[in-house]
Amino acid sequence: MKVSFASTAAAVLIAALCAGPASADPGRGGGQGNGKAKGHGAEARQVVGCPPGLAKKNPPCVPPGQARKQEVRYGTRVGDVLRVGDYIVISDPRRYDLDPRSGWQYYRDDNRIYRVDSDTRRVLAVLNLIDAFTN
């Protein structure tokens, strides 16, 4: 089988083009003074107004105690997420002398009314059911 000069030249050209971007990557070099921390091979982060120890944290410049994820707490206290399937929906808040605002929903159980954010289902207020009738 004969290999022509044109096909050999095309193969060499394709190989050179494919290898070009990989060899031009500055993050792969082993040189000093190119923005890398010495001896670690990782880029140093610079966060303005942040101590160096916190700049290395993820997320940067946030103390470890404050970086914890906020866990969802289900319950019936203000700030908790209400499991709405366990409660009765109040479809007419005016009947209980409640403010019918956009973005709020009301739920009740045997003795309390819960004002809930309609998007997040977080409890905004807890009212005693008896107080709703005495206003």
C-alpha atoms as a PDB file:
ATOM      1  CA  MET A   1       0.000   0.000   0.000  1.00  0.00           C
ATOM      2  CA  LYS A   2       1.420   3.337  -1.021  1.00  0.00           C
ATOM      3  CA  VAL A   3       1.091   6.379   1.200  1.00  0.00           C
ATOM      4  CA  SER A   4       1.024   9.657  -0.643  1.00  0.00           C
ATOM      5  CA  PHE A   5       2.906  12.755   0.421  1.00  0.00           C
ATOM      6  CA  ALA A   6      -0.378  14.717   0.723  1.00  0.00           C
ATOM      7  CA  SER A   7      -1.958  12.259   3.177  1.00  0.00           C
ATOM      8  CA  THR A   8       1.221  12.119   5.285  1.00  0.00           C
ATOM      9  CA  ALA A   9       1.426  15.921   5.345  1.00  0.00           C
ATOM     10  CA  ALA A  10      -2.268  16.157   6.309  1.00  0.00           C
ATOM     11  CA  ALA A  11      -1.773  13.672   9.167  1.00  0.00           C
ATOM     12  CA  VAL A  12       1.237  15.606  10.491  1.00  0.00           C
ATOM     13  CA  LEU A  13      -0.689  18.902  10.245  1.00  0.00           C
ATOM     14  CA  ILE A  14      -3.678  17.501  12.142  1.00  0.00           C
ATOM     15  CA  ALA A  15      -1.421  16.075  14.862  1.00  0.00           C
ATOM     16  CA  ALA A  16       0.356  19.426  15.226  1.00  0.00           C
ATOM     17  CA  LEU A  17      -2.929  21.344  15.477  1.00  0.00           C
ATOM     18  CA  CYS A  18      -4.329  18.993  18.112  1.00  0.00           C
ATOM     19  CA  ALA A  19      -1.185  19.138  20.246  1.00  0.00           C
ATOM     20  CA  GLY A  20      -0.877  22.933  20.023  1.00  0.00           C
ATOM     21  CA  PRO A  21      -3.567  23.968  22.571  1.00  0.00           C
ATOM     22  CA  ALA A  22      -2.400  21.393  25.156  1.00  0.00           C
ATOM     23  CA  SER A  23       1.186  22.549  25.020  1.00  0.00           C
ATOM     24  CA  ALA A  24       0.176  26.226  25.213  1.00  0.00           C
ATOM     25  CA  ASP A  25      -1.771  25.816  28.489  1.00  0.00           C
ATOM     26  CA  PRO A  26      -0.027  28.046  31.081  1.00  0.00           C
ATOM     27  CA  GLY A  27      -1.537  26.082  33.982  1.00  0.00           C
ATOM     28  CA  ARG A  28       0.398  22.957  33.057  1.00  0.00           C
ATOM     29  CA  GLY A  29       3.846  24.490  33.045  1.00  0.00           C
ATOM     30  CA  GLY A  30       6.379  23.736  35.736  1.00  0.00           C
ATOM     31  CA  GLY A  31       7.997  27.167  35.744  1.00  0.00           C
ATOM     32  CA  GLN A  32       8.328  29.478  38.739  1.00  0.00           C
ATOM     33  CA  GLY A  33       6.734  32.900  38.974  1.00  0.00           C
ATOM     34  CA  ASN A  34       3.653  32.225  36.874  1.00  0.00           C
ATOM     35  CA  GLY A  35       1.097  32.855  39.634  1.00  0.00           C
ATOM     36  CA  LYS A  36       1.504  29.484  41.304  1.00  0.00           C
ATOM     37  CA  ALA A  37       2.269  28.914  44.939  1.00  0.00           C
ATOM     38  CA  LYS A  38       5.742  27.460  45.322  1.00  0.00           C
ATOM     39  CA  GLY A  39       5.904  23.723  45.723  1.00  0.00           C
ATOM     40  CA  HIS A  40       2.126  23.131  45.730  1.00  0.00           C
ATOM     41  CA  GLY A  41       1.135  23.258  42.077  1.00  0.00           C
ATOM     42  CA  ALA A  42      -2.090  25.103  42.963  1.00  0.00           C
ATOM     43  CA  GLU A  43      -2.917  28.657  42.079  1.00  0.00           C
ATOM     44  CA  ALA A  44      -2.877  31.126  44.978  1.00  0.00           C
ATOM     45  CA  ARG A  45      -6.163  32.958  45.547  1.00  0.00           C
ATOM     46  CA  GLN A  46      -6.209  36.670  46.154  1.00  0.00           C
ATOM     47  CA  VAL A  47      -9.319  37.996  47.901  1.00  0.00           C
ATOM     48  CA  VAL A  48      -9.226  41.721  48.662  1.00  0.00           C
ATOM     49  CA  GLY A  49      -9.678  42.508  52.353  1.00  0.00           C
ATOM     50  CA  CYS A  50      -9.585  38.876  53.447  1.00  0.00           C
ATOM     51  CA  PRO A  51      -6.963  37.241  55.690  1.00  0.00           C
ATOM     52  CA  PRO A  52      -4.820  34.650  53.869  1.00  0.00           C
ATOM     53  CA  GLY A  53      -6.128  31.759  55.981  1.00  0.00           C
ATOM     54  CA  LEU A  54      -9.752  32.514  55.085  1.00  0.00           C
ATOM     55  CA  ALA A  55      -8.907  33.229  51.445  1.00  0.00           C
ATOM     56  CA  LYS A  56      -7.936  29.563  51.059  1.00  0.00           C
ATOM     57  CA  LYS A  57     -11.263  28.302  52.446  1.00  0.00           C
ATOM     58  CA  ASN A  58     -14.173  27.259  50.297  1.00  0.00           C
ATOM     59  CA  PRO A  59     -16.215  29.483  50.109  1.00  0.00           C
ATOM     60  CA  PRO A  60     -13.445  32.068  50.327  1.00  0.00           C
ATOM     61  CA  CYS A  61     -13.417  34.621  53.152  1.00  0.00           C
ATOM     62  CA  VAL A  62     -16.195  32.903  55.144  1.00  0.00           C
ATOM     63  CA  PRO A  63     -15.309  31.541  58.608  1.00  0.00           C
ATOM     64  CA  PRO A  64     -15.841  27.763  58.906  1.00  0.00           C
ATOM     65  CA  GLY A  65     -18.612  28.074  61.513  1.00  0.00           C
ATOM     66  CA  GLN A  66     -20.662  30.280  59.214  1.00  0.00           C
ATOM     67  CA  ALA A  67     -20.124  28.193  56.093  1.00  0.00           C
ATOM     68  CA  ARG A  68     -22.336  25.312  57.185  1.00  0.00           C
ATOM     69  CA  LYS A  69     -25.343  24.584  55.052  1.00  0.00           C
ATOM     70  CA  GLN A  70     -28.626  25.676  56.509  1.00  0.00           C
ATOM     71  CA  GLU A  71     -30.526  22.528  57.262  1.00  0.00           C
ATOM     72  CA  VAL A  72     -34.276  22.400  56.752  1.00  0.00           C
ATOM     73  CA  ARG A  73     -36.167  21.990  59.997  1.00  0.00           C
ATOM     74  CA  TYR A  74     -39.742  20.818  59.806  1.00  0.00           C
ATOM     75  CA  GLY A  75     -42.077  21.913  62.557  1.00  0.00           C
ATOM     76  CA  THR A  76     -44.585  24.460  63.700  1.00  0.00           C
ATOM     77  CA  ARG A  77     -42.370  27.268  65.003  1.00  0.00           C
ATOM     78  CA  VAL A  78     -41.604  30.500  63.155  1.00  0.00           C
ATOM     79  CA  GLY A  79     -38.883  29.787  60.583  1.00  0.00           C
ATOM     80  CA  ASP A  80     -39.650  26.061  60.332  1.00  0.00           C
ATOM     81  CA  VAL A  81     -40.927  24.495  57.123  1.00  0.00           C
ATOM     82  CA  LEU A  82     -44.532  23.403  57.530  1.00  0.00           C
ATOM     83  CA  ARG A  83     -45.537  20.020  56.134  1.00  0.00           C
ATOM     84  CA  VAL A  84     -48.706  21.388  54.606  1.00  0.00           C
ATOM     85  CA  GLY A  85     -50.271  17.988  53.931  1.00  0.00           C
ATOM     86  CA  ASP A  86     -50.813  17.515  57.662  1.00  0.00           C
ATOM     87  CA  TYR A  87     -52.894  20.689  58.093  1.00  0.00           C
ATOM     88  CA  ILE A  88     -56.205  22.137  56.917  1.00  0.00           C
ATOM     89  CA  VAL A  89     -55.953  24.922  54.331  1.00  0.00           C
ATOM     90  CA  ILE A  90     -57.780  28.126  55.209  1.00  0.00           C
ATOM     91  CA  SER A  91     -59.207  29.177  51.864  1.00  0.00           C
ATOM     92  CA  ASP A  92     -61.025  32.271  53.205  1.00  0.00           C
ATOM     93  CA  PRO A  93     -58.671  34.130  55.604  1.00  0.00           C
ATOM     94  CA  ARG A  94     -61.229  36.913  56.144  1.00  0.00           C
ATOM     95  CA  ARG A  95     -63.482  34.429  57.934  1.00  0.00           C
ATOM     96  CA  TYR A  96     -60.831  34.272  60.659  1.00  0.00           C
ATOM     97  CA  ASP A  97     -60.126  38.028  60.423  1.00  0.00           C
ATOM     98  CA  LEU A  98     -56.740  37.352  58.802  1.00  0.00           C
ATOM     99  CA  ASP A  99     -54.915  39.534  56.303  1.00  0.00           C
ATOM    100  CA  PRO A 100     -55.175  37.920  52.812  1.00  0.00           C
ATOM    101  CA  ARG A 101     -51.859  38.996  51.283  1.00  0.00           C
ATOM    102  CA  SER A 102     -50.256  37.777  48.111  1.00  0.00           C
ATOM    103  CA  GLY A 103     -47.531  35.235  48.897  1.00  0.00           C
ATOM    104  CA  TRP A 104     -49.122  34.125  52.167  1.00  0.00           C
ATOM    105  CA  GLN A 105     -51.196  31.045  52.844  1.00  0.00           C
ATOM    106  CA  TYR A 106     -52.881  30.032  56.068  1.00  0.00           C
ATOM    107  CA  TYR A 107     -53.166  26.544  57.527  1.00  0.00           C
ATOM    108  CA  ARG A 108     -54.718  25.351  60.776  1.00  0.00           C
ATOM    109  CA  ASP A 109     -54.779  22.402  63.093  1.00  0.00           C
ATOM    110  CA  ASP A 110     -56.958  21.906  66.172  1.00  0.00           C
ATOM    111  CA  ASN A 111     -55.839  24.996  68.077  1.00  0.00           C
ATOM    112  CA  ARG A 112     -53.436  27.092  65.945  1.00  0.00           C
ATOM    113  CA  ILE A 113     -53.289  28.980  62.662  1.00  0.00           C
ATOM    114  CA  TYR A 114     -50.017  29.121  60.723  1.00  0.00           C
ATOM    115  CA  ARG A 115     -49.200  31.959  58.325  1.00  0.00           C
ATOM    116  CA  VAL A 116     -46.914  30.376  55.721  1.00  0.00           C
ATOM    117  CA  ASP A 117     -44.856  31.759  52.847  1.00  0.00           C
ATOM    118  CA  SER A 118     -46.452  30.231  49.754  1.00  0.00           C
ATOM    119  CA  ASP A 119     -43.106  29.755  47.957  1.00  0.00           C
ATOM    120  CA  THR A 120     -40.851  28.358  50.680  1.00  0.00           C
ATOM    121  CA  ARG A 121     -43.513  26.908  53.030  1.00  0.00           C
ATOM    122  CA  ARG A 122     -41.708  28.539  55.961  1.00  0.00           C
ATOM    123  CA  VAL A 123     -43.868  29.501  58.942  1.00  0.00           C
ATOM    124  CA  LEU A 124     -44.116  33.293  59.181  1.00  0.00           C
ATOM    125  CA  ALA A 125     -46.405  33.464  62.220  1.00  0.00           C
ATOM    126  CA  VAL A 126     -48.202  31.173  64.646  1.00  0.00           C
ATOM    127  CA  LEU A 127     -51.569  32.355  65.953  1.00  0.00           C
ATOM    128  CA  ASN A 128     -53.804  30.720  68.533  1.00  0.00           C
ATOM    129  CA  LEU A 129     -57.120  29.790  66.954  1.00  0.00           C
ATOM    130  CA  ILE A 130     -59.048  31.265  69.869  1.00  0.00           C
ATOM    131  CA  ASP A 131     -57.316  34.634  69.311  1.00  0.00           C
ATOM    132  CA  ALA A 132     -58.524  34.713  65.705  1.00  0.00           C
ATOM    133  CA  PHE A 133     -62.158  34.595  66.847  1.00  0.00           C
ATOM    134  CA  THR A 134     -61.832  37.105  69.689  1.00  0.00           C
ATOM    135  CA  ASN A 135     -60.369  39.999  67.622  1.00  0.00           C
END
